[in-house]
Amino acid sequence: MLHKLISAPINLVIKIGEKVKEEADKELYDLPTIQQKLIQLQMMYELGEIPEEAYKAKEEDLIIRYEMAKRMEMEQWEQMTKKK
């Protein structure tokens, strides 16, 4: 009984941490999200809302994240096809 009282809060913290990581990964490595951010960034630049230096820096960051997400997607696909 005492073990359950002590481990319950720890398990809750672990589950919350896993959910936060899942959401952060989705934000960082979700291909449609990254594509949408690239489109928004392009529009902001074309409308003159951000300077060219800021545009290039943010674009580079998003392209790197896109490449990483694509690589992760390909690795997951390869793992799935190897299991079958």
N, C-alpha and C. Protein backbone atom coordinates (compact mmCIF):
# COMPACT_ATOMS: atom_id res chain seq x y z
N MET A 1 0.82 -1.20 0.00
CA MET A 1 0.00 0.00 0.00
C MET A 1 0.87 1.27 0.00
N LEU A 2 1.86 1.27 0.87
CA LEU A 2 2.76 2.42 0.94
C LEU A 2 3.51 2.61 -0.37
N HIS A 3 3.88 1.51 -0.99
CA HIS A 3 4.57 1.56 -2.28
C HIS A 3 3.71 2.27 -3.32
N LYS A 4 2.41 1.99 -3.35
CA LYS A 4 1.51 2.63 -4.32
C LYS A 4 1.39 4.12 -4.05
N LEU A 5 1.36 4.51 -2.79
CA LEU A 5 1.27 5.93 -2.45
C LEU A 5 2.51 6.70 -2.89
N ILE A 6 3.64 6.06 -2.81
CA ILE A 6 4.89 6.72 -3.19
C ILE A 6 5.08 6.70 -4.70
N SER A 7 4.76 5.57 -5.34
CA SER A 7 5.03 5.45 -6.78
C SER A 7 3.99 6.16 -7.65
N ALA A 8 2.80 6.38 -7.16
CA ALA A 8 1.76 7.03 -7.96
C ALA A 8 2.17 8.42 -8.44
N PRO A 9 2.67 9.30 -7.55
CA PRO A 9 3.10 10.62 -8.04
C PRO A 9 4.25 10.54 -9.02
N ILE A 10 5.16 9.61 -8.80
CA ILE A 10 6.30 9.45 -9.71
C ILE A 10 5.81 9.00 -11.08
N ASN A 11 4.90 8.04 -11.11
CA ASN A 11 4.35 7.58 -12.38
C ASN A 11 3.61 8.70 -13.11
N LEU A 12 2.91 9.53 -12.37
CA LEU A 12 2.20 10.66 -12.97
C LEU A 12 3.18 11.64 -13.60
N VAL A 13 4.26 11.94 -12.90
CA VAL A 13 5.28 12.85 -13.42
C VAL A 13 5.90 12.26 -14.69
N ILE A 14 6.15 10.96 -14.68
CA ILE A 14 6.72 10.30 -15.86
C ILE A 14 5.76 10.41 -17.04
N LYS A 15 4.48 10.15 -16.82
CA LYS A 15 3.49 10.23 -17.90
C LYS A 15 3.37 11.66 -18.43
N ILE A 16 3.41 12.63 -17.56
CA ILE A 16 3.34 14.03 -17.99
C ILE A 16 4.58 14.38 -18.81
N GLY A 17 5.74 13.93 -18.35
CA GLY A 17 6.98 14.18 -19.09
C GLY A 17 6.95 13.55 -20.47
N GLU A 18 6.42 12.33 -20.58
CA GLU A 18 6.31 11.67 -21.87
C GLU A 18 5.38 12.43 -22.81
N LYS A 19 4.28 12.93 -22.27
CA LYS A 19 3.32 13.69 -23.08
C LYS A 19 3.93 15.01 -23.55
N VAL A 20 4.67 15.68 -22.69
CA VAL A 20 5.33 16.93 -23.06
C VAL A 20 6.35 16.67 -24.16
N LYS A 21 7.13 15.59 -24.03
CA LYS A 21 8.11 15.24 -25.05
C LYS A 21 7.42 14.93 -26.37
N GLU A 22 6.32 14.20 -26.31
CA GLU A 22 5.57 13.86 -27.52
C GLU A 22 5.08 15.11 -28.24
N GLU A 23 4.55 16.05 -27.49
CA GLU A 23 4.05 17.30 -28.08
C GLU A 23 5.20 18.16 -28.63
N ALA A 24 6.31 18.18 -27.91
CA ALA A 24 7.47 18.95 -28.38
C ALA A 24 8.02 18.34 -29.67
N ASP A 25 8.11 17.02 -29.71
CA ASP A 25 8.58 16.36 -30.92
C ASP A 25 7.64 16.62 -32.09
N LYS A 26 6.36 16.62 -31.81
CA LYS A 26 5.38 16.90 -32.87
C LYS A 26 5.58 18.32 -33.41
N GLU A 27 5.80 19.25 -32.52
CA GLU A 27 6.01 20.64 -32.95
C GLU A 27 7.33 20.78 -33.72
N LEU A 28 8.35 20.09 -33.27
CA LEU A 28 9.66 20.22 -33.90
C LEU A 28 9.81 19.42 -35.18
N TYR A 29 9.19 18.24 -35.24
CA TYR A 29 9.47 17.32 -36.33
C TYR A 29 8.25 16.89 -37.14
N ASP A 30 7.15 17.57 -37.01
CA ASP A 30 5.96 17.25 -37.79
C ASP A 30 6.07 17.95 -39.16
N LEU A 31 6.16 17.14 -40.22
CA LEU A 31 6.39 17.70 -41.57
C LEU A 31 5.34 18.73 -41.99
N PRO A 32 4.04 18.45 -41.84
CA PRO A 32 3.05 19.49 -42.24
C PRO A 32 3.19 20.78 -41.42
N THR A 33 3.53 20.65 -40.14
CA THR A 33 3.71 21.84 -39.31
C THR A 33 4.89 22.67 -39.82
N ILE A 34 5.99 22.00 -40.13
CA ILE A 34 7.17 22.70 -40.64
C ILE A 34 6.86 23.35 -41.98
N GLN A 35 6.17 22.63 -42.85
CA GLN A 35 5.81 23.20 -44.15
C GLN A 35 4.95 24.45 -43.98
N GLN A 36 4.00 24.39 -43.07
CA GLN A 36 3.13 25.54 -42.82
C GLN A 36 3.94 26.73 -42.30
N LYS A 37 4.89 26.45 -41.41
CA LYS A 37 5.73 27.53 -40.88
C LYS A 37 6.59 28.15 -41.98
N LEU A 38 7.07 27.32 -42.90
CA LEU A 38 7.85 27.86 -44.03
C LEU A 38 6.99 28.77 -44.90
N ILE A 39 5.76 28.37 -45.15
CA ILE A 39 4.84 29.19 -45.94
C ILE A 39 4.55 30.51 -45.24
N GLN A 40 4.27 30.44 -43.93
CA GLN A 40 3.99 31.66 -43.16
C GLN A 40 5.20 32.59 -43.16
N LEU A 41 6.38 32.00 -43.01
CA LEU A 41 7.61 32.79 -43.01
C LEU A 41 7.79 33.49 -44.35
N GLN A 42 7.58 32.77 -45.44
CA GLN A 42 7.70 33.34 -46.78
C GLN A 42 6.72 34.51 -46.96
N MET A 43 5.50 34.32 -46.50
CA MET A 43 4.49 35.38 -46.62
C MET A 43 4.89 36.61 -45.81
N MET A 44 5.38 36.38 -44.59
CA MET A 44 5.80 37.50 -43.75
C MET A 44 6.93 38.29 -44.41
N TYR A 45 7.86 37.56 -45.02
CA TYR A 45 8.98 38.22 -45.70
C TYR A 45 8.49 39.01 -46.90
N GLU A 46 7.65 38.40 -47.71
CA GLU A 46 7.15 39.08 -48.91
C GLU A 46 6.31 40.30 -48.57
N LEU A 47 5.64 40.29 -47.43
CA LEU A 47 4.84 41.43 -47.02
C LEU A 47 5.67 42.49 -46.28
N GLY A 48 6.96 42.20 -46.11
CA GLY A 48 7.83 43.16 -45.45
C GLY A 48 7.69 43.19 -43.95
N GLU A 49 7.15 42.14 -43.38
CA GLU A 49 6.94 42.10 -41.93
C GLU A 49 8.20 41.71 -41.16
N ILE A 50 9.15 41.06 -41.85
CA ILE A 50 10.41 40.69 -41.21
C ILE A 50 11.56 41.03 -42.16
N PRO A 51 12.71 41.39 -41.61
CA PRO A 51 13.86 41.72 -42.47
C PRO A 51 14.46 40.45 -43.08
N GLU A 52 15.24 40.63 -44.12
CA GLU A 52 15.82 39.51 -44.85
C GLU A 52 16.72 38.64 -43.97
N GLU A 53 17.50 39.27 -43.09
CA GLU A 53 18.39 38.50 -42.22
C GLU A 53 17.60 37.55 -41.32
N ALA A 54 16.53 38.06 -40.74
CA ALA A 54 15.69 37.22 -39.87
C ALA A 54 15.02 36.12 -40.68
N TYR A 55 14.59 36.46 -41.88
CA TYR A 55 13.96 35.47 -42.76
C TYR A 55 14.92 34.33 -43.08
N LYS A 56 16.14 34.67 -43.49
CA LYS A 56 17.12 33.65 -43.87
C LYS A 56 17.49 32.77 -42.69
N ALA A 57 17.65 33.37 -41.52
CA ALA A 57 18.02 32.59 -40.33
C ALA A 57 16.91 31.61 -39.96
N LYS A 58 15.68 32.10 -39.94
CA LYS A 58 14.55 31.24 -39.58
C LYS A 58 14.32 30.19 -40.65
N GLU A 59 14.47 30.56 -41.91
CA GLU A 59 14.28 29.60 -43.00
C GLU A 59 15.30 28.46 -42.89
N GLU A 60 16.54 28.81 -42.60
CA GLU A 60 17.58 27.79 -42.47
C GLU A 60 17.24 26.83 -41.33
N ASP A 61 16.79 27.37 -40.21
CA ASP A 61 16.39 26.54 -39.07
C ASP A 61 15.26 25.59 -39.46
N LEU A 62 14.25 26.12 -40.14
CA LEU A 62 13.12 25.28 -40.54
C LEU A 62 13.51 24.22 -41.56
N ILE A 63 14.40 24.55 -42.46
CA ILE A 63 14.85 23.57 -43.45
C ILE A 63 15.64 22.45 -42.78
N ILE A 64 16.47 22.79 -41.82
CA ILE A 64 17.21 21.77 -41.08
C ILE A 64 16.23 20.86 -40.34
N ARG A 65 15.23 21.45 -39.68
CA ARG A 65 14.22 20.63 -38.99
C ARG A 65 13.45 19.76 -39.97
N TYR A 66 13.14 20.30 -41.15
CA TYR A 66 12.42 19.53 -42.16
C TYR A 66 13.26 18.33 -42.60
N GLU A 67 14.53 18.56 -42.85
CA GLU A 67 15.41 17.47 -43.27
C GLU A 67 15.52 16.41 -42.18
N MET A 68 15.63 16.82 -40.93
CA MET A 68 15.69 15.87 -39.82
C MET A 68 14.39 15.08 -39.72
N ALA A 69 13.27 15.76 -39.85
CA ALA A 69 11.97 15.09 -39.77
C ALA A 69 11.80 14.11 -40.91
N LYS A 70 12.24 14.47 -42.09
CA LYS A 70 12.15 13.58 -43.24
C LYS A 70 13.03 12.35 -43.03
N ARG A 71 14.22 12.56 -42.50
CA ARG A 71 15.13 11.45 -42.21
C ARG A 71 14.51 10.51 -41.17
N MET A 72 13.92 11.09 -40.12
CA MET A 72 13.26 10.28 -39.09
C MET A 72 12.11 9.49 -39.68
N GLU A 73 11.35 10.11 -40.55
CA GLU A 73 10.23 9.45 -41.20
C GLU A 73 10.72 8.26 -42.04
N MET A 74 11.80 8.47 -42.78
CA MET A 74 12.37 7.40 -43.60
C MET A 74 12.88 6.25 -42.74
N GLU A 75 13.52 6.57 -41.61
CA GLU A 75 14.01 5.53 -40.71
C GLU A 75 12.85 4.73 -40.13
N GLN A 76 11.78 5.40 -39.75
CA GLN A 76 10.60 4.71 -39.23
C GLN A 76 10.00 3.81 -40.31
N TRP A 77 9.95 4.29 -41.52
CA TRP A 77 9.40 3.51 -42.63
C TRP A 77 10.25 2.25 -42.86
N GLU A 78 11.57 2.42 -42.83
CA GLU A 78 12.46 1.28 -43.00
C GLU A 78 12.29 0.26 -41.89
N GLN A 79 12.14 0.73 -40.66
CA GLN A 79 11.93 -0.20 -39.54
C GLN A 79 10.62 -0.95 -39.69
N MET A 80 9.58 -0.26 -40.14
CA MET A 80 8.28 -0.91 -40.32
C MET A 80 8.34 -1.95 -41.41
N THR A 81 9.05 -1.67 -42.49
CA THR A 81 9.10 -2.63 -43.59
C THR A 81 10.00 -3.82 -43.26
N LYS A 82 10.98 -3.64 -42.39
CA LYS A 82 11.84 -4.75 -41.99
C LYS A 82 11.10 -5.73 -41.08
N LYS A 83 10.14 -5.22 -40.29
CA LYS A 83 9.40 -6.08 -39.36
C LYS A 83 8.46 -7.03 -40.10
N LYS A 84 8.03 -6.64 -41.29
CA LYS A 84 7.05 -7.47 -42.01
C LYS A 84 7.68 -8.59 -42.74
